[in-house]
Amino acid sequence: MWTDDAGLAAARRRVDDWESSLAERAARSALLAERLTGLTGTATSPDRTVEATVDAAGKLVGLRLDERIRAASAARTAEQVLATTRAAYADLLRQVTAATRETLGPDDPAATAVVESYARRLGGDGAAR
């Protein structure tokens, strides 16, 4: 198949380069997975009566209500909780975007896919889906 040693050597170099590239991408992907797992998004309502925290999967893991919330109607409290939770999702998405671009590179198609996946799950505007 190979007519000369130079052609065979060039083919071996291409395979070695490809293998090295795959190993490097796998290592960066593992690092990204580790970074993303530890992220949380947090937001506080403008009047500072509600604070919401979501984990890397977008699950609400913390909700703090200030005692002043008792003066508000239940409907107003519910609105604040939802709005603050959406803001926490937006915070998480910002962190995911930054970590992904730092780890994989801003022009990496895999980075774009990861960020788009999070945006779909969390909602492009930070709303949960």
Protein backbone atom coordinates (compact mmCIF):
# COMPACT_ATOMS: atom_id res chain seq x y z
CA MET A 1 0.00 0.00 0.00
CA TRP A 2 2.82 2.43 0.84
CA THR A 3 5.26 3.00 -1.97
CA ASP A 4 7.93 4.56 0.18
CA ASP A 5 9.04 4.88 3.78
CA ALA A 6 8.37 8.64 3.79
CA GLY A 7 4.68 8.06 3.04
CA LEU A 8 4.43 5.48 5.80
CA ALA A 9 6.19 7.79 8.27
CA ALA A 10 3.86 10.65 7.37
CA ALA A 11 0.82 8.42 7.89
CA ARG A 12 2.14 7.34 11.29
CA ARG A 13 2.67 10.99 12.29
CA ARG A 14 -0.93 11.82 11.29
CA VAL A 15 -2.25 8.92 13.35
CA ASP A 16 -0.07 9.91 16.31
CA ASP A 17 -1.24 13.53 16.03
CA TRP A 18 -4.86 12.41 15.83
CA GLU A 19 -4.43 10.15 18.88
CA SER A 20 -2.75 12.96 20.83
CA SER A 21 -5.55 15.35 19.87
CA LEU A 22 -8.19 12.89 21.08
CA ALA A 23 -6.40 12.40 24.39
CA GLU A 24 -6.13 16.16 24.87
CA ARG A 25 -9.83 16.69 24.09
CA ALA A 26 -10.79 13.91 26.50
CA ALA A 27 -8.70 15.50 29.26
CA ARG A 28 -10.26 18.94 28.64
CA SER A 29 -13.73 17.41 28.60
CA ALA A 30 -13.09 15.67 31.92
CA LEU A 31 -11.83 18.93 33.41
CA LEU A 32 -14.91 20.75 32.15
CA ALA A 33 -17.24 18.13 33.62
CA GLU A 34 -15.50 18.53 36.97
CA ARG A 35 -15.75 22.32 36.82
CA LEU A 36 -19.42 22.31 35.84
CA THR A 37 -20.40 19.86 38.56
CA GLY A 38 -19.33 22.30 41.25
CA LEU A 39 -21.14 25.35 39.92
CA THR A 40 -24.13 26.98 41.56
CA GLY A 41 -26.13 30.01 40.51
CA THR A 42 -27.38 32.47 43.09
CA ALA A 43 -29.53 35.58 42.90
CA THR A 44 -31.14 37.98 45.32
CA SER A 45 -34.34 39.93 44.76
CA PRO A 46 -33.97 43.69 44.36
CA ASP A 47 -35.42 44.32 47.83
CA ARG A 48 -33.14 41.60 49.24
CA THR A 49 -36.02 39.63 50.76
CA VAL A 50 -35.51 36.52 48.59
CA GLU A 51 -32.32 34.65 47.76
CA ALA A 52 -32.35 31.56 45.53
CA THR A 53 -29.54 29.11 44.74
CA VAL A 54 -29.60 26.45 42.02
CA ASP A 55 -27.12 23.63 41.54
CA ALA A 56 -25.33 22.68 38.31
CA ALA A 57 -28.36 20.69 37.16
CA GLY A 58 -30.65 23.66 37.71
CA LYS A 59 -32.30 22.23 40.80
CA LEU A 60 -33.33 24.73 43.47
CA VAL A 61 -31.08 23.85 46.42
CA GLY A 62 -31.39 26.96 48.54
CA LEU A 63 -34.10 29.46 49.26
CA ARG A 64 -33.75 32.17 51.86
CA LEU A 65 -36.70 34.38 52.77
CA ASP A 66 -36.12 37.46 54.88
CA GLU A 67 -38.58 38.06 57.72
CA ARG A 68 -39.76 41.19 55.89
CA ILE A 69 -41.39 38.86 53.34
CA ARG A 70 -44.25 38.37 55.84
CA ALA A 71 -45.51 41.85 55.01
CA ALA A 72 -46.02 40.90 51.34
CA SER A 73 -48.96 39.02 49.89
CA ALA A 74 -48.56 35.35 49.06
CA ALA A 75 -48.91 36.20 45.36
CA ARG A 76 -46.13 38.81 45.59
CA THR A 77 -43.90 36.38 47.48
CA ALA A 78 -44.47 33.70 44.84
CA GLU A 79 -43.60 36.17 42.06
CA GLN A 80 -40.40 37.17 43.85
CA VAL A 81 -39.38 33.54 44.42
CA LEU A 82 -39.93 32.70 40.74
CA ALA A 83 -38.18 35.81 39.45
CA THR A 84 -35.23 35.33 41.77
CA THR A 85 -34.95 31.66 40.82
CA ARG A 86 -34.92 32.64 37.12
CA ALA A 87 -32.15 35.11 37.90
CA ALA A 88 -30.22 32.30 39.63
CA TYR A 89 -30.60 30.19 36.45
CA ALA A 90 -29.21 33.10 34.44
CA ASP A 91 -26.28 33.37 36.86
CA LEU A 92 -25.60 29.63 36.46
CA LEU A 93 -25.74 29.92 32.67
CA ARG A 94 -23.23 32.80 32.73
CA GLN A 95 -20.87 30.68 34.83
CA VAL A 96 -21.32 27.61 32.61
CA THR A 97 -20.60 29.72 29.53
CA ALA A 98 -17.44 31.20 31.05
CA ALA A 99 -16.12 27.87 32.35
CA THR A 100 -16.85 26.11 29.07
CA ARG A 101 -15.16 28.74 26.92
CA GLU A 102 -12.15 28.90 29.24
CA THR A 103 -11.75 25.13 29.24
CA LEU A 104 -12.56 24.20 25.65
CA GLY A 105 -11.96 27.48 23.87
CA PRO A 106 -14.45 30.05 22.61
CA ASP A 107 -14.55 28.68 19.05
CA ASP A 108 -14.78 24.98 19.93
CA PRO A 109 -17.97 23.41 18.54
CA ALA A 110 -18.23 21.23 21.66
CA ALA A 111 -18.20 24.38 23.82
CA THR A 112 -21.06 25.81 21.80
CA ALA A 113 -23.00 22.56 22.14
CA VAL A 114 -22.53 22.46 25.93
CA VAL A 115 -23.66 26.06 26.40
CA GLU A 116 -26.65 25.59 24.08
CA SER A 117 -27.65 22.46 25.98
CA TYR A 118 -27.61 24.33 29.29
CA ALA A 119 -29.47 27.26 27.75
CA ARG A 120 -32.22 24.93 26.50
CA ARG A 121 -32.55 23.23 29.90
CA LEU A 122 -32.46 26.46 31.88
CA GLY A 123 -34.20 28.59 29.30
CA GLY A 124 -32.42 31.09 27.09
CA ASP A 125 -33.70 33.91 29.29
CA GLY A 126 -32.76 32.07 32.49
CA ALA A 127 -36.18 30.48 32.99
CA ALA A 128 -36.39 26.83 34.01
CA ARG A 129 -37.88 24.34 31.60
